[in-house]
Amino acid sequence: MNSLLKAIGKGASIEIIKEIAHLNPILNHRYENNQLTPLMLAAKYGREDLIEFLIAEGCPVHRVDQTGRSALSPASHHDHYDVVS
């Protein structure tokens, strides 16, 4: 699994995420089993700081997972409406 995805899933600080992203700039990598991207995971956990960073670094915003849901879906599903707007 990509170390960036692991760090997001474990709630790493934005500083650690930035360091990993600069060492391994594959921002569109997906989990193989469900096709989640780093942006989708950041949205799932309500990480507005991370979402802004990933978008600024060029993480694709229109990717969808295996069920056709975008990053907006996990954010709203987990009641992180502040990151959706």
C-alpha atoms as a PDB file:
ATOM      1  CA  MET A   1       0.000   0.000   0.000  1.00  0.00           C
ATOM      2  CA  ASN A   2       1.201   3.514  -0.758  1.00  0.00           C
ATOM      3  CA  SER A   3       2.779   5.233   2.269  1.00  0.00           C
ATOM      4  CA  LEU A   4       0.803   8.419   1.574  1.00  0.00           C
ATOM      5  CA  LEU A   5      -2.457   6.492   1.815  1.00  0.00           C
ATOM      6  CA  LYS A   6      -1.274   4.784   5.007  1.00  0.00           C
ATOM      7  CA  ALA A   7      -0.374   8.117   6.601  1.00  0.00           C
ATOM      8  CA  ILE A   8      -3.756   9.624   5.762  1.00  0.00           C
ATOM      9  CA  GLY A   9      -5.562   6.576   7.142  1.00  0.00           C
ATOM     10  CA  LYS A  10      -3.588   6.771  10.388  1.00  0.00           C
ATOM     11  CA  GLY A  11      -4.305  10.482  10.889  1.00  0.00           C
ATOM     12  CA  ALA A  12      -0.769  11.782  10.346  1.00  0.00           C
ATOM     13  CA  SER A  13      -0.132  15.510  10.681  1.00  0.00           C
ATOM     14  CA  ILE A  14      -0.180  17.736   7.616  1.00  0.00           C
ATOM     15  CA  GLU A  15       3.595  18.216   7.937  1.00  0.00           C
ATOM     16  CA  ILE A  16       4.212  14.465   7.718  1.00  0.00           C
ATOM     17  CA  ILE A  17       1.777  14.138   4.809  1.00  0.00           C
ATOM     18  CA  LYS A  18       3.565  16.943   2.936  1.00  0.00           C
ATOM     19  CA  GLU A  19       6.941  15.273   3.468  1.00  0.00           C
ATOM     20  CA  ILE A  20       5.670  11.910   2.230  1.00  0.00           C
ATOM     21  CA  ALA A  21       3.978  13.550  -0.759  1.00  0.00           C
ATOM     22  CA  HIS A  22       7.194  15.307  -1.744  1.00  0.00           C
ATOM     23  CA  LEU A  23       9.223  12.107  -1.413  1.00  0.00           C
ATOM     24  CA  ASN A  24       6.615  10.022  -3.243  1.00  0.00           C
ATOM     25  CA  PRO A  25       4.503  12.352  -5.417  1.00  0.00           C
ATOM     26  CA  ILE A  26       1.958   9.793  -6.622  1.00  0.00           C
ATOM     27  CA  LEU A  27      -1.144  11.701  -5.546  1.00  0.00           C
ATOM     28  CA  ASN A  28      -3.534   9.755  -7.726  1.00  0.00           C
ATOM     29  CA  HIS A  29      -2.584   6.327  -6.327  1.00  0.00           C
ATOM     30  CA  ARG A  30      -5.574   4.242  -5.276  1.00  0.00           C
ATOM     31  CA  TYR A  31      -6.180   1.471  -2.818  1.00  0.00           C
ATOM     32  CA  GLU A  32      -6.419  -1.614  -4.979  1.00  0.00           C
ATOM     33  CA  ASN A  33      -9.480  -3.113  -3.323  1.00  0.00           C
ATOM     34  CA  ASN A  34     -11.843  -0.128  -3.298  1.00  0.00           C
ATOM     35  CA  GLN A  35     -10.119   2.421  -5.577  1.00  0.00           C
ATOM     36  CA  LEU A  36     -10.010   5.209  -2.945  1.00  0.00           C
ATOM     37  CA  THR A  37      -7.593   8.048  -3.680  1.00  0.00           C
ATOM     38  CA  PRO A  38      -5.710  10.177  -1.109  1.00  0.00           C
ATOM     39  CA  LEU A  39      -8.289  12.925  -1.668  1.00  0.00           C
ATOM     40  CA  MET A  40     -11.151  10.526  -0.914  1.00  0.00           C
ATOM     41  CA  LEU A  41      -9.475   9.422   2.321  1.00  0.00           C
ATOM     42  CA  ALA A  42      -8.823  13.003   3.377  1.00  0.00           C
ATOM     43  CA  ALA A  43     -12.492  13.799   2.739  1.00  0.00           C
ATOM     44  CA  LYS A  44     -13.590  10.708   4.669  1.00  0.00           C
ATOM     45  CA  TYR A  45     -11.675  11.896   7.738  1.00  0.00           C
ATOM     46  CA  GLY A  46     -12.702  15.550   7.340  1.00  0.00           C
ATOM     47  CA  ARG A  47      -9.119  16.764   6.836  1.00  0.00           C
ATOM     48  CA  GLU A  48      -9.750  20.172   5.270  1.00  0.00           C
ATOM     49  CA  ASP A  49      -6.059  21.116   5.552  1.00  0.00           C
ATOM     50  CA  LEU A  50      -5.073  17.965   3.718  1.00  0.00           C
ATOM     51  CA  ILE A  51      -7.776  18.355   1.077  1.00  0.00           C
ATOM     52  CA  GLU A  52      -6.529  21.866   0.262  1.00  0.00           C
ATOM     53  CA  PHE A  53      -2.941  20.600   0.071  1.00  0.00           C
ATOM     54  CA  LEU A  54      -3.786  17.629  -2.166  1.00  0.00           C
ATOM     55  CA  ILE A  55      -5.811  19.752  -4.586  1.00  0.00           C
ATOM     56  CA  ALA A  56      -3.050  22.389  -4.723  1.00  0.00           C
ATOM     57  CA  GLU A  57      -0.545  19.622  -5.502  1.00  0.00           C
ATOM     58  CA  GLY A  58      -2.666  18.363  -8.393  1.00  0.00           C
ATOM     59  CA  CYS A  59      -4.518  15.420  -6.895  1.00  0.00           C
ATOM     60  CA  PRO A  60      -7.339  14.589  -9.332  1.00  0.00           C
ATOM     61  CA  VAL A  61     -10.664  15.794  -7.920  1.00  0.00           C
ATOM     62  CA  HIS A  62     -12.981  13.983 -10.318  1.00  0.00           C
ATOM     63  CA  ARG A  63     -11.789  10.415  -9.782  1.00  0.00           C
ATOM     64  CA  VAL A  64     -14.356   7.906  -8.592  1.00  0.00           C
ATOM     65  CA  ASP A  65     -14.093   4.717  -6.564  1.00  0.00           C
ATOM     66  CA  GLN A  66     -15.256   1.267  -7.670  1.00  0.00           C
ATOM     67  CA  THR A  67     -18.875   2.212  -6.983  1.00  0.00           C
ATOM     68  CA  GLY A  68     -18.711   5.503  -8.905  1.00  0.00           C
ATOM     69  CA  ARG A  69     -18.520   7.835  -5.889  1.00  0.00           C
ATOM     70  CA  SER A  70     -16.263  10.887  -5.814  1.00  0.00           C
ATOM     71  CA  ALA A  71     -14.473  12.456  -2.826  1.00  0.00           C
ATOM     72  CA  LEU A  72     -17.703  14.266  -1.932  1.00  0.00           C
ATOM     73  CA  SER A  73     -19.414  10.995  -1.021  1.00  0.00           C
ATOM     74  CA  PRO A  74     -17.177   9.882   1.873  1.00  0.00           C
ATOM     75  CA  ALA A  75     -17.117  13.430   3.256  1.00  0.00           C
ATOM     76  CA  SER A  76     -20.898  13.731   3.383  1.00  0.00           C
ATOM     77  CA  HIS A  77     -21.359  10.101   4.486  1.00  0.00           C
ATOM     78  CA  HIS A  78     -19.168  10.786   7.543  1.00  0.00           C
ATOM     79  CA  ASP A  79     -20.886  14.128   8.279  1.00  0.00           C
ATOM     80  CA  HIS A  80     -17.929  16.295   7.223  1.00  0.00           C
ATOM     81  CA  TYR A  81     -20.132  18.836   5.495  1.00  0.00           C
ATOM     82  CA  ASP A  82     -17.621  21.625   6.149  1.00  0.00           C
ATOM     83  CA  VAL A  83     -15.168  20.032   3.687  1.00  0.00           C
ATOM     84  CA  VAL A  84     -17.846  19.542   1.036  1.00  0.00           C
ATOM     85  CA  SER A  85     -18.656  23.227   0.709  1.00  0.00           C
END
